[in-house]
């Protein structure tokens, strides 16, 4: 009876992890031989793990990763795409997020750029950072609509607060004047404040032409490139390579 009352109170106080652990201890007579401090420590540990898992689930849900199953443990270093393994291993500790650095991933279609970006962002979430995935063409459309409905400033603030922002599929088409100015606003707010991951089929040397306006192009590249780790993928599509192996 006391056990049931205690479980009810723990769950009423939202100590769900501790409640589950206490219920398990009550069903395992061998735990009675443990000292009180040890048993209580196990209860606290389970509550801590439960809360951390809930926070992680919340961060991953908010991140809206395009490839939710992507993680650094699943990166395939055997594929023929010139992947710099030593650089990737350094990036997996997420020091680059704490140092407010960026990551630029370039390579041909199907080379795994989005997977790598999502894997790095997922690891950042696991390490306590917030993240958000955006396809840049769609984000720029959203920014245009935000101007029309008066939510532009609020949307910029939301993007600025994210610790790791993925801007995927950058450079598919040349930017219009409003689009390059919106991109500059986004990156200006994030410069030396948070980290950005950009993926593109184009090498960085071609970005100036896609942006169009030389002055804005210089400003955008200055805020992204000079403080970025570069991952340059080569070779044919990963999907084609795996299809041949199958």
Protein backbone atom coordinates (compact mmCIF):
# COMPACT_ATOMS: atom_id res chain seq x y z
CA UNK A 1 0.00 0.00 0.00
CA UNK A 2 2.82 2.40 0.86
CA UNK A 3 4.52 1.56 -2.43
CA UNK A 4 1.39 2.40 -4.43
CA UNK A 5 0.91 5.68 -2.57
CA UNK A 6 4.53 6.62 -3.15
CA UNK A 7 4.27 5.81 -6.88
CA UNK A 8 1.12 7.90 -7.15
CA UNK A 9 2.81 10.87 -5.49
CA UNK A 10 5.96 10.56 -7.60
CA UNK A 11 3.95 10.54 -10.82
CA UNK A 12 1.76 13.40 -9.60
CA UNK A 13 4.98 15.40 -9.14
CA UNK A 14 6.09 14.26 -12.64
CA UNK A 15 9.03 12.23 -11.33
CA UNK A 16 8.28 9.57 -13.90
CA UNK A 17 11.79 8.17 -14.15
CA UNK A 18 12.10 7.87 -10.41
CA UNK A 19 8.65 6.27 -10.18
CA UNK A 20 9.57 3.62 -12.74
CA UNK A 21 12.86 2.91 -10.98
CA UNK A 22 11.16 2.67 -7.58
CA UNK A 23 8.59 0.27 -9.00
CA UNK A 24 11.38 -1.88 -10.43
CA UNK A 25 13.24 -1.87 -7.11
CA UNK A 26 10.08 -2.90 -5.27
CA UNK A 27 9.72 -5.90 -7.60
CA UNK A 28 13.35 -6.97 -7.07
CA UNK A 29 13.91 -8.18 -3.49
CA UNK A 30 17.71 -8.23 -3.96
CA UNK A 31 17.78 -4.43 -3.99
CA UNK A 32 16.76 -4.47 -0.31
CA UNK A 33 20.34 -5.45 0.51
CA UNK A 34 21.65 -2.17 -0.89
CA UNK A 35 22.37 0.74 1.40
CA UNK A 36 19.79 3.54 1.41
CA UNK A 37 22.25 5.93 -0.27
CA UNK A 38 22.85 3.44 -3.09
CA UNK A 39 19.16 2.79 -3.68
CA UNK A 40 18.35 6.49 -3.61
CA UNK A 41 21.24 7.19 -5.98
CA UNK A 42 19.80 4.69 -8.47
CA UNK A 43 16.42 6.41 -8.27
CA UNK A 44 17.97 9.83 -8.91
CA UNK A 45 20.05 8.46 -11.81
CA UNK A 46 16.95 7.04 -13.48
CA UNK A 47 15.08 10.34 -13.08
CA UNK A 48 18.06 12.22 -14.54
CA UNK A 49 18.23 9.88 -17.55
CA UNK A 50 14.48 10.14 -18.09
CA UNK A 51 14.58 13.94 -18.11
CA UNK A 52 17.63 14.12 -20.36
CA UNK A 53 15.97 11.76 -22.84
CA UNK A 54 12.85 13.93 -22.85
CA UNK A 55 14.94 17.03 -23.51
CA UNK A 56 16.75 15.27 -26.34
CA UNK A 57 13.46 14.14 -27.85
CA UNK A 58 12.20 17.72 -27.70
CA UNK A 59 15.36 19.10 -29.35
CA UNK A 60 15.26 16.50 -32.12
CA UNK A 61 11.57 17.16 -32.71
CA UNK A 62 12.22 20.88 -33.04
CA UNK A 63 15.18 20.27 -35.35
CA UNK A 64 12.96 18.76 -38.08
CA UNK A 65 15.92 16.97 -39.59
CA UNK A 66 15.36 15.88 -43.18
CA UNK A 67 16.99 12.51 -42.39
CA UNK A 68 15.98 11.80 -38.77
CA UNK A 69 17.88 8.50 -38.68
CA UNK A 70 21.17 10.19 -39.60
CA UNK A 71 23.83 10.02 -36.91
CA UNK A 72 27.63 10.21 -36.83
CA UNK A 73 27.86 6.51 -35.96
CA UNK A 74 26.26 5.64 -39.33
CA UNK A 75 28.65 7.67 -41.50
CA UNK A 76 30.12 5.32 -44.10
CA UNK A 77 33.82 6.06 -44.55
CA UNK A 78 34.26 3.23 -47.06
CA UNK A 79 32.32 4.87 -49.89
CA UNK A 80 34.54 6.36 -52.64
CA UNK A 81 33.80 10.04 -52.09
CA UNK A 82 37.07 11.43 -50.65
CA UNK A 83 35.55 11.91 -47.21
CA UNK A 84 38.03 13.43 -44.76
CA UNK A 85 37.66 11.03 -41.85
CA UNK A 86 39.96 12.91 -39.47
CA UNK A 87 37.96 16.12 -39.97
CA UNK A 88 34.63 14.34 -39.45
CA UNK A 89 35.89 12.74 -36.26
CA UNK A 90 36.93 16.16 -34.96
CA UNK A 91 33.51 17.60 -35.78
CA UNK A 92 31.69 14.84 -33.89
CA UNK A 93 32.77 16.29 -30.53
CA UNK A 94 30.80 19.50 -31.35
CA UNK A 95 33.55 21.83 -30.12
CA UNK A 96 32.92 23.74 -33.35
CA UNK A 97 29.42 24.62 -32.09
CA UNK A 98 30.78 25.98 -28.82
CA UNK A 99 33.38 27.97 -30.78
CA UNK A 100 30.62 29.40 -33.05
CA UNK A 101 32.18 27.94 -36.18
CA UNK A 102 30.44 26.88 -39.40
CA UNK A 103 30.56 23.79 -41.61
CA UNK A 104 30.40 23.87 -45.41
CA UNK A 105 29.66 20.61 -47.23
CA UNK A 106 30.00 20.61 -51.02
CA UNK A 107 29.73 17.82 -53.54
CA UNK A 108 27.69 16.39 -56.42
CA UNK A 109 24.08 15.27 -56.21
CA UNK A 110 23.63 12.15 -54.09
CA UNK A 111 27.06 12.32 -52.45
CA UNK A 112 25.55 12.38 -48.96
CA UNK A 113 25.71 16.08 -48.10
CA UNK A 114 22.31 16.20 -46.39
CA UNK A 115 23.04 13.02 -44.43
CA UNK A 116 26.31 14.44 -43.08
CA UNK A 117 24.63 17.75 -42.20
CA UNK A 118 21.81 15.98 -40.35
CA UNK A 119 24.25 13.63 -38.61
CA UNK A 120 26.31 16.55 -37.28
CA UNK A 121 23.16 18.39 -36.18
CA UNK A 122 21.83 15.26 -34.48
CA UNK A 123 25.09 14.91 -32.55
CA UNK A 124 24.83 18.58 -31.55
CA UNK A 125 21.32 17.88 -30.19
CA UNK A 126 22.67 14.92 -28.23
CA UNK A 127 25.28 17.24 -26.73
CA UNK A 128 22.65 19.72 -25.55
CA UNK A 129 22.48 22.16 -28.47
CA UNK A 130 19.42 23.20 -30.46
CA UNK A 131 19.28 22.64 -34.21
CA UNK A 132 17.01 23.31 -37.18
CA UNK A 133 16.99 21.94 -40.71
CA UNK A 134 15.91 24.20 -43.59
CA UNK A 135 16.07 23.80 -47.34
CA UNK A 136 17.32 27.22 -48.33
CA UNK A 137 15.02 27.66 -51.38
CA UNK A 138 11.96 26.99 -49.22
CA UNK A 139 13.24 29.13 -46.36
CA UNK A 140 13.67 32.09 -48.69
CA UNK A 141 10.07 31.62 -49.85
CA UNK A 142 8.97 31.61 -46.20
CA UNK A 143 10.91 34.82 -45.56
CA UNK A 144 9.08 36.52 -48.43
CA UNK A 145 5.73 35.48 -46.93
CA UNK A 146 6.91 36.64 -43.49
CA UNK A 147 7.47 40.12 -44.88
CA UNK A 148 3.93 40.14 -46.19
CA UNK A 149 2.28 39.05 -42.93
CA UNK A 150 4.48 41.10 -40.61
CA UNK A 151 6.34 38.18 -38.97
CA UNK A 152 9.69 38.80 -40.67
CA UNK A 153 11.48 40.18 -37.61
CA UNK A 154 10.16 37.40 -35.39
CA UNK A 155 11.31 34.76 -37.87
CA UNK A 156 14.80 36.27 -37.99
CA UNK A 157 14.98 36.14 -34.21
CA UNK A 158 13.92 32.49 -34.20
CA UNK A 159 16.61 31.59 -36.71
CA UNK A 160 19.25 33.54 -34.81
CA UNK A 161 18.58 31.65 -31.56
CA UNK A 162 19.17 28.19 -33.05
CA UNK A 163 22.62 26.88 -32.11
CA UNK A 164 23.05 24.88 -35.35
CA UNK A 165 21.12 25.94 -38.45
CA UNK A 166 21.30 23.73 -41.55
CA UNK A 167 20.84 25.57 -44.84
CA UNK A 168 20.53 22.72 -47.32
CA UNK A 169 20.58 22.87 -51.14
CA UNK A 170 22.26 26.27 -51.31
CA UNK A 171 23.05 27.55 -54.81
CA UNK A 172 20.53 25.57 -56.88
CA UNK A 173 19.51 28.75 -58.67
CA UNK A 174 20.79 32.30 -58.84
CA UNK A 175 19.42 34.49 -56.06
CA UNK A 176 17.04 37.34 -56.66
CA UNK A 177 17.74 40.69 -55.00
CA UNK A 178 15.30 40.16 -52.12
CA UNK A 179 16.57 36.61 -51.57
CA UNK A 180 20.22 37.56 -51.26
CA UNK A 181 19.33 40.35 -48.86
CA UNK A 182 17.26 37.93 -46.76
CA UNK A 183 20.15 35.46 -46.71
CA UNK A 184 22.51 38.21 -45.60
CA UNK A 185 20.13 39.19 -42.79
CA UNK A 186 19.95 35.58 -41.58
CA UNK A 187 23.71 35.11 -41.62
CA UNK A 188 24.42 38.54 -40.15
CA UNK A 189 22.27 37.76 -37.12
CA UNK A 190 24.08 34.44 -36.65
CA UNK A 191 27.63 35.69 -37.24
CA UNK A 192 29.77 35.09 -34.13
CA UNK A 193 26.60 34.09 -32.27
CA UNK A 194 25.83 30.56 -33.49
CA UNK A 195 26.86 27.94 -36.06
CA UNK A 196 25.56 27.26 -39.55
CA UNK A 197 25.90 24.20 -41.78
CA UNK A 198 25.59 24.90 -45.50
CA UNK A 199 25.38 22.23 -48.19
CA UNK A 200 25.79 22.92 -51.88
CA UNK A 201 26.43 21.17 -55.17
CA UNK A 202 28.60 24.12 -56.15
CA UNK A 203 32.19 24.63 -55.05
CA UNK A 204 32.74 27.73 -52.95
CA UNK A 205 34.53 29.39 -55.88
CA UNK A 206 31.16 29.54 -57.72
CA UNK A 207 29.12 31.02 -54.87
CA UNK A 208 29.94 34.62 -55.80
CA UNK A 209 28.26 34.20 -59.18
CA UNK A 210 25.13 32.60 -57.71
CA UNK A 211 24.64 35.39 -55.18
CA UNK A 212 24.89 37.95 -57.95
CA UNK A 213 25.52 41.31 -56.28
CA UNK A 214 29.28 41.57 -55.62
CA UNK A 215 28.94 43.66 -52.46
CA UNK A 216 26.34 41.40 -50.86
CA UNK A 217 28.27 38.32 -52.03
CA UNK A 218 31.39 39.56 -50.25
CA UNK A 219 29.39 40.21 -47.09
CA UNK A 220 27.74 36.77 -47.14
CA UNK A 221 30.97 34.88 -47.83
CA UNK A 222 32.80 36.85 -45.16
CA UNK A 223 30.28 35.75 -42.55
CA UNK A 224 30.34 32.09 -43.56
CA UNK A 225 33.50 30.91 -45.27
CA UNK A 226 36.35 32.31 -43.18
CA UNK A 227 35.19 30.62 -39.99
CA UNK A 228 34.13 27.32 -41.54
CA UNK A 229 35.28 23.71 -41.67
CA UNK A 230 35.08 22.50 -45.27
CA UNK A 231 33.99 19.04 -46.34
CA UNK A 232 34.45 18.55 -50.09
CA UNK A 233 32.92 15.33 -51.40
CA UNK A 234 33.91 13.80 -54.73
CA UNK A 235 32.78 10.92 -56.90
CA UNK A 236 29.41 9.71 -58.16
CA UNK A 237 26.13 9.46 -56.31
CA UNK A 238 26.14 7.35 -53.15
CA UNK A 239 22.78 5.96 -54.23
CA UNK A 240 24.24 4.80 -57.54
CA UNK A 241 27.25 3.27 -55.79
CA UNK A 242 25.08 1.34 -53.34
CA UNK A 243 22.80 0.21 -56.15
CA UNK A 244 25.80 -1.28 -57.99
CA UNK A 245 26.91 -3.09 -54.84
CA UNK A 246 23.41 -4.51 -54.37
